[in-house]
Amino acid sequence: QLQLVQSGGGLVQPGGSLRLSCAASGFTFDHYAIGWFRQAPGKQRDLVAHILTGGVADYADSVKGRFTISRDNAKDTVWLQMNSLRDEDTATYYCYARLIGSNTEYWGQGTQVTVSS
């Protein structure tokens, strides 16, 4: 089965850090753009970070300077390093992969990130 498997997340205090991981199963990353989305209760699912096949990354204004997305195509894995976490970062985070020039896409199962003292 083609899927994205997420790990990481959990409870962290404000100002702390977490690292999320997303690994491909059944396909390889090299021709896919990868994104991290998040959704808080009562809010829409928003794009947090996006990295292209060549490694070019973009970030939502709310996380610029605090979050870093990276990928290792040899390991078919993408990470989201989250630093200086704030309570408003609390959400369910989803990994997303899209085949370039195609409608083919995959979503991770989601992982909860809770920032609280």
N, C-alpha and C. Protein backbone atom coordinates (compact mmCIF):
# COMPACT_ATOMS: atom_id res chain seq x y z
N GLN A 1 0.84 -1.18 0.00
CA GLN A 1 0.00 0.00 0.00
C GLN A 1 0.88 1.25 0.00
N LEU A 2 0.48 2.22 -0.80
CA LEU A 2 1.19 3.48 -0.86
C LEU A 2 0.66 4.38 0.25
N GLN A 3 1.55 4.82 1.12
CA GLN A 3 1.11 5.63 2.24
C GLN A 3 2.27 6.42 2.81
N LEU A 4 1.92 7.41 3.62
CA LEU A 4 2.88 8.19 4.39
C LEU A 4 2.68 7.87 5.86
N VAL A 5 3.76 7.56 6.53
CA VAL A 5 3.72 7.18 7.93
C VAL A 5 4.40 8.25 8.75
N GLN A 6 3.65 8.86 9.66
CA GLN A 6 4.16 9.95 10.47
C GLN A 6 4.59 9.46 11.84
N SER A 7 5.53 10.19 12.43
CA SER A 7 5.94 9.95 13.80
C SER A 7 6.35 11.28 14.42
N GLY A 8 6.50 11.28 15.73
CA GLY A 8 6.81 12.50 16.44
C GLY A 8 5.55 13.13 17.00
N GLY A 9 5.67 14.36 17.41
CA GLY A 9 4.57 15.05 18.03
C GLY A 9 4.50 14.75 19.52
N GLY A 10 3.50 15.32 20.15
CA GLY A 10 3.33 15.12 21.58
C GLY A 10 3.08 16.43 22.29
N LEU A 11 3.31 16.41 23.58
CA LEU A 11 3.10 17.57 24.44
C LEU A 11 4.43 18.25 24.71
N VAL A 12 4.48 19.55 24.52
CA VAL A 12 5.69 20.32 24.76
C VAL A 12 5.32 21.66 25.39
N GLN A 13 6.22 22.18 26.22
CA GLN A 13 6.00 23.48 26.83
C GLN A 13 6.27 24.61 25.85
N PRO A 14 5.64 25.76 26.04
CA PRO A 14 5.95 26.90 25.19
C PRO A 14 7.44 27.19 25.17
N GLY A 15 7.96 27.50 23.99
CA GLY A 15 9.38 27.72 23.82
C GLY A 15 10.17 26.47 23.52
N GLY A 16 9.55 25.33 23.64
CA GLY A 16 10.22 24.07 23.39
C GLY A 16 10.26 23.71 21.93
N SER A 17 10.77 22.51 21.65
CA SER A 17 10.96 22.05 20.28
C SER A 17 10.43 20.63 20.11
N LEU A 18 10.01 20.35 18.90
CA LEU A 18 9.61 19.02 18.48
C LEU A 18 10.06 18.80 17.06
N ARG A 19 10.25 17.54 16.70
CA ARG A 19 10.59 17.19 15.34
C ARG A 19 9.64 16.11 14.84
N LEU A 20 8.93 16.42 13.77
CA LEU A 20 8.02 15.49 13.15
C LEU A 20 8.71 14.80 11.99
N SER A 21 8.35 13.55 11.77
CA SER A 21 8.92 12.77 10.69
C SER A 21 7.80 12.18 9.84
N CYS A 22 8.07 12.04 8.55
CA CYS A 22 7.12 11.46 7.61
C CYS A 22 7.90 10.62 6.63
N ALA A 23 7.58 9.34 6.55
CA ALA A 23 8.29 8.41 5.69
C ALA A 23 7.34 7.77 4.68
N ALA A 24 7.81 7.66 3.46
CA ALA A 24 7.01 7.04 2.40
C ALA A 24 7.09 5.52 2.49
N SER A 25 5.96 4.89 2.25
CA SER A 25 5.89 3.44 2.18
C SER A 25 5.25 3.05 0.86
N GLY A 26 5.98 2.31 0.04
CA GLY A 26 5.46 1.87 -1.23
C GLY A 26 5.77 2.78 -2.41
N PHE A 27 6.43 3.88 -2.17
CA PHE A 27 6.87 4.77 -3.23
C PHE A 27 8.07 5.55 -2.77
N THR A 28 8.72 6.23 -3.69
CA THR A 28 9.90 7.02 -3.38
C THR A 28 9.59 8.50 -3.53
N PHE A 29 10.30 9.30 -2.77
CA PHE A 29 10.04 10.74 -2.66
C PHE A 29 10.57 11.57 -3.80
N ASP A 30 11.51 11.07 -4.58
CA ASP A 30 12.32 11.94 -5.42
C ASP A 30 11.55 12.79 -6.42
N HIS A 31 10.37 12.36 -6.85
CA HIS A 31 9.58 13.13 -7.80
C HIS A 31 8.34 13.75 -7.16
N TYR A 32 8.33 13.85 -5.85
CA TYR A 32 7.19 14.38 -5.12
C TYR A 32 7.55 15.67 -4.39
N ALA A 33 6.64 16.63 -4.45
CA ALA A 33 6.70 17.77 -3.55
C ALA A 33 6.06 17.35 -2.22
N ILE A 34 6.63 17.82 -1.13
CA ILE A 34 6.18 17.42 0.20
C ILE A 34 5.74 18.65 0.99
N GLY A 35 4.65 18.53 1.71
CA GLY A 35 4.18 19.61 2.54
C GLY A 35 3.75 19.14 3.91
N TRP A 36 3.79 20.05 4.85
CA TRP A 36 3.23 19.83 6.18
C TRP A 36 2.05 20.78 6.35
N PHE A 37 0.92 20.22 6.71
CA PHE A 37 -0.29 20.98 7.01
C PHE A 37 -0.62 20.83 8.48
N ARG A 38 -1.43 21.74 8.99
CA ARG A 38 -1.93 21.59 10.35
C ARG A 38 -3.36 22.09 10.43
N GLN A 39 -4.10 21.53 11.37
CA GLN A 39 -5.49 21.90 11.55
C GLN A 39 -5.83 21.88 13.04
N ALA A 40 -6.26 23.02 13.52
CA ALA A 40 -6.72 23.14 14.90
C ALA A 40 -8.24 23.02 14.92
N PRO A 41 -8.82 22.64 16.06
CA PRO A 41 -10.27 22.51 16.14
C PRO A 41 -10.99 23.78 15.71
N GLY A 42 -11.98 23.63 14.83
CA GLY A 42 -12.76 24.75 14.36
C GLY A 42 -12.09 25.61 13.32
N LYS A 43 -10.91 25.22 12.86
CA LYS A 43 -10.18 26.00 11.88
C LYS A 43 -9.89 25.15 10.64
N GLN A 44 -9.60 25.82 9.54
CA GLN A 44 -9.29 25.12 8.31
C GLN A 44 -7.90 24.52 8.37
N ARG A 45 -7.67 23.56 7.48
CA ARG A 45 -6.35 22.97 7.38
C ARG A 45 -5.45 23.89 6.56
N ASP A 46 -4.36 24.32 7.15
CA ASP A 46 -3.46 25.29 6.54
C ASP A 46 -2.11 24.67 6.22
N LEU A 47 -1.53 25.13 5.14
CA LEU A 47 -0.18 24.72 4.78
C LEU A 47 0.82 25.42 5.68
N VAL A 48 1.69 24.65 6.31
CA VAL A 48 2.71 25.17 7.21
C VAL A 48 4.04 25.34 6.49
N ALA A 49 4.43 24.34 5.75
CA ALA A 49 5.70 24.35 5.04
C ALA A 49 5.61 23.46 3.82
N HIS A 50 6.38 23.78 2.81
CA HIS A 50 6.34 23.06 1.54
C HIS A 50 7.75 22.98 0.99
N ILE A 51 8.17 21.81 0.56
CA ILE A 51 9.49 21.65 -0.01
C ILE A 51 9.37 20.93 -1.35
N LEU A 52 10.03 21.49 -2.36
CA LEU A 52 9.96 20.94 -3.70
C LEU A 52 11.00 19.85 -3.89
N THR A 53 10.95 19.21 -5.04
CA THR A 53 11.86 18.10 -5.30
C THR A 53 13.32 18.54 -5.26
N GLY A 54 13.59 19.78 -5.67
CA GLY A 54 14.95 20.30 -5.65
C GLY A 54 15.40 20.85 -4.32
N GLY A 55 14.53 20.83 -3.32
CA GLY A 55 14.90 21.28 -1.99
C GLY A 55 14.49 22.70 -1.65
N VAL A 56 13.88 23.42 -2.58
CA VAL A 56 13.41 24.77 -2.30
C VAL A 56 12.22 24.71 -1.35
N ALA A 57 12.27 25.48 -0.29
CA ALA A 57 11.25 25.43 0.75
C ALA A 57 10.57 26.78 0.94
N ASP A 58 9.30 26.73 1.27
CA ASP A 58 8.53 27.91 1.63
C ASP A 58 7.80 27.63 2.93
N TYR A 59 7.48 28.71 3.66
CA TYR A 59 6.85 28.58 4.96
C TYR A 59 5.71 29.58 5.11
N ALA A 60 4.72 29.20 5.90
CA ALA A 60 3.70 30.14 6.29
C ALA A 60 4.33 31.23 7.14
N ASP A 61 3.79 32.44 7.03
CA ASP A 61 4.34 33.56 7.78
C ASP A 61 4.37 33.29 9.29
N SER A 62 3.40 32.55 9.77
CA SER A 62 3.28 32.30 11.19
C SER A 62 4.41 31.44 11.76
N VAL A 63 5.13 30.72 10.89
CA VAL A 63 6.17 29.82 11.37
C VAL A 63 7.55 30.17 10.84
N LYS A 64 7.67 31.17 10.01
CA LYS A 64 8.97 31.54 9.46
C LYS A 64 9.94 31.90 10.58
N GLY A 65 11.14 31.38 10.46
CA GLY A 65 12.16 31.61 11.47
C GLY A 65 12.11 30.65 12.62
N ARG A 66 11.05 29.86 12.72
CA ARG A 66 10.90 28.92 13.83
C ARG A 66 10.87 27.46 13.36
N PHE A 67 10.28 27.21 12.19
CA PHE A 67 10.14 25.86 11.67
C PHE A 67 11.08 25.67 10.47
N THR A 68 11.55 24.45 10.30
CA THR A 68 12.39 24.10 9.17
C THR A 68 11.93 22.77 8.59
N ILE A 69 11.68 22.74 7.30
CA ILE A 69 11.34 21.51 6.62
C ILE A 69 12.57 21.01 5.87
N SER A 70 12.79 19.72 5.90
CA SER A 70 13.92 19.13 5.20
C SER A 70 13.51 17.76 4.67
N ARG A 71 14.28 17.27 3.71
CA ARG A 71 13.98 15.97 3.12
C ARG A 71 15.26 15.23 2.79
N ASP A 72 15.18 13.93 2.82
CA ASP A 72 16.26 13.06 2.41
C ASP A 72 15.65 12.03 1.47
N ASN A 73 15.83 12.26 0.18
CA ASN A 73 15.21 11.37 -0.80
C ASN A 73 15.75 9.94 -0.71
N ALA A 74 17.01 9.80 -0.32
CA ALA A 74 17.58 8.47 -0.18
C ALA A 74 16.87 7.66 0.89
N LYS A 75 16.34 8.34 1.90
CA LYS A 75 15.62 7.68 2.97
C LYS A 75 14.11 7.78 2.81
N ASP A 76 13.66 8.47 1.76
CA ASP A 76 12.22 8.69 1.53
C ASP A 76 11.55 9.26 2.77
N THR A 77 12.20 10.24 3.37
CA THR A 77 11.75 10.80 4.63
C THR A 77 11.81 12.32 4.59
N VAL A 78 10.84 12.95 5.20
CA VAL A 78 10.81 14.39 5.36
C VAL A 78 10.59 14.70 6.84
N TRP A 79 11.19 15.79 7.30
CA TRP A 79 11.08 16.20 8.69
C TRP A 79 10.55 17.63 8.78
N LEU A 80 9.93 17.93 9.89
CA LEU A 80 9.56 19.28 10.23
C LEU A 80 10.12 19.56 11.62
N GLN A 81 11.17 20.37 11.67
CA GLN A 81 11.76 20.79 12.94
C GLN A 81 11.03 22.02 13.42
N MET A 82 10.45 21.95 14.61
CA MET A 82 9.65 23.03 15.16
C MET A 82 10.33 23.55 16.42
N ASN A 83 10.77 24.79 16.37
CA ASN A 83 11.42 25.44 17.50
C ASN A 83 10.59 26.61 17.99
N SER A 84 10.89 27.06 19.20
CA SER A 84 10.21 28.20 19.80
C SER A 84 8.69 28.05 19.69
N LEU A 85 8.21 26.91 20.08
CA LEU A 85 6.79 26.61 19.91
C LEU A 85 5.91 27.50 20.79
N ARG A 86 4.77 27.85 20.24
CA ARG A 86 3.79 28.68 20.92
C ARG A 86 2.48 27.92 21.07
N ASP A 87 1.62 28.39 21.96
CA ASP A 87 0.36 27.70 22.16
C ASP A 87 -0.49 27.67 20.88
N GLU A 88 -0.37 28.68 20.04
CA GLU A 88 -1.13 28.70 18.80
C GLU A 88 -0.63 27.70 17.78
N ASP A 89 0.50 27.05 18.04
CA ASP A 89 0.98 25.98 17.17
C ASP A 89 0.26 24.66 17.45
N THR A 90 -0.53 24.62 18.50
CA THR A 90 -1.26 23.41 18.84
C THR A 90 -2.22 23.04 17.71
N ALA A 91 -2.08 21.83 17.20
CA ALA A 91 -2.89 21.38 16.07
C ALA A 91 -2.55 19.94 15.76
N THR A 92 -3.35 19.35 14.88
CA THR A 92 -2.99 18.08 14.28
C THR A 92 -2.20 18.37 13.01
N TYR A 93 -1.04 17.77 12.90
CA TYR A 93 -0.16 18.01 11.77
C TYR A 93 -0.21 16.83 10.81
N TYR A 94 -0.28 17.15 9.51
CA TYR A 94 -0.40 16.15 8.47
C TYR A 94 0.71 16.31 7.45
N CYS A 95 1.32 15.22 7.08
CA CYS A 95 2.27 15.18 5.99
C CYS A 95 1.54 14.93 4.68
N TYR A 96 2.01 15.55 3.61
CA TYR A 96 1.36 15.47 2.30
C TYR A 96 2.41 15.36 1.21
N ALA A 97 2.18 14.49 0.26
CA ALA A 97 3.08 14.33 -0.88
C ALA A 97 2.30 14.38 -2.17
N ARG A 98 2.83 15.11 -3.13
CA ARG A 98 2.18 15.23 -4.44
C ARG A 98 3.19 14.97 -5.55
N LEU A 99 2.82 14.09 -6.46
CA LEU A 99 3.68 13.80 -7.60
C LEU A 99 3.66 14.99 -8.55
N ILE A 100 4.84 15.46 -8.91
CA ILE A 100 4.95 16.63 -9.78
C ILE A 100 4.26 16.37 -11.11
N GLY A 101 3.39 17.31 -11.52
CA GLY A 101 2.69 17.21 -12.78
C GLY A 101 1.61 16.15 -12.81
N SER A 102 1.10 15.77 -11.65
CA SER A 102 0.13 14.69 -11.55
C SER A 102 -0.89 14.99 -10.47
N ASN A 103 -2.01 14.28 -10.53
CA ASN A 103 -3.01 14.35 -9.47
C ASN A 103 -2.72 13.35 -8.35
N THR A 104 -1.68 12.58 -8.48
CA THR A 104 -1.33 11.60 -7.47
C THR A 104 -0.89 12.29 -6.19
N GLU A 105 -1.53 11.96 -5.08
CA GLU A 105 -1.19 12.56 -3.80
C GLU A 105 -1.45 11.58 -2.67
N TYR A 106 -0.76 11.80 -1.56
CA TYR A 106 -0.89 10.96 -0.39
C TYR A 106 -0.89 11.84 0.85
N TRP A 107 -1.60 11.39 1.87
CA TRP A 107 -1.67 12.08 3.15
C TRP A 107 -1.23 11.15 4.27
N GLY A 108 -0.50 11.70 5.22
CA GLY A 108 -0.18 10.97 6.42
C GLY A 108 -1.39 10.88 7.33
N GLN A 109 -1.27 10.08 8.37
CA GLN A 109 -2.40 9.84 9.26
C GLN A 109 -2.66 10.99 10.24
N GLY A 110 -1.72 11.90 10.35
CA GLY A 110 -1.83 13.01 11.27
C GLY A 110 -1.23 12.68 12.63
N THR A 111 -0.65 13.69 13.25
CA THR A 111 -0.10 13.53 14.58
C THR A 111 -0.38 14.80 15.38
N GLN A 112 -0.71 14.63 16.65
CA GLN A 112 -1.10 15.75 17.49
C GLN A 112 0.12 16.43 18.09
N VAL A 113 0.15 17.74 17.98
CA VAL A 113 1.14 18.57 18.66
C VAL A 113 0.39 19.50 19.60
N THR A 114 0.71 19.41 20.87
CA THR A 114 0.07 20.25 21.88
C THR A 114 1.14 21.05 22.60
N VAL A 115 1.00 22.35 22.57
CA VAL A 115 1.94 23.26 23.24
C VAL A 115 1.21 23.85 24.44
N SER A 116 1.66 23.50 25.61
CA SER A 116 0.98 23.93 26.83
C SER A 116 1.94 23.85 28.01
N SER A 117 1.76 24.76 28.95
CA SER A 117 2.53 24.74 30.18
C SER A 117 1.80 23.97 31.26
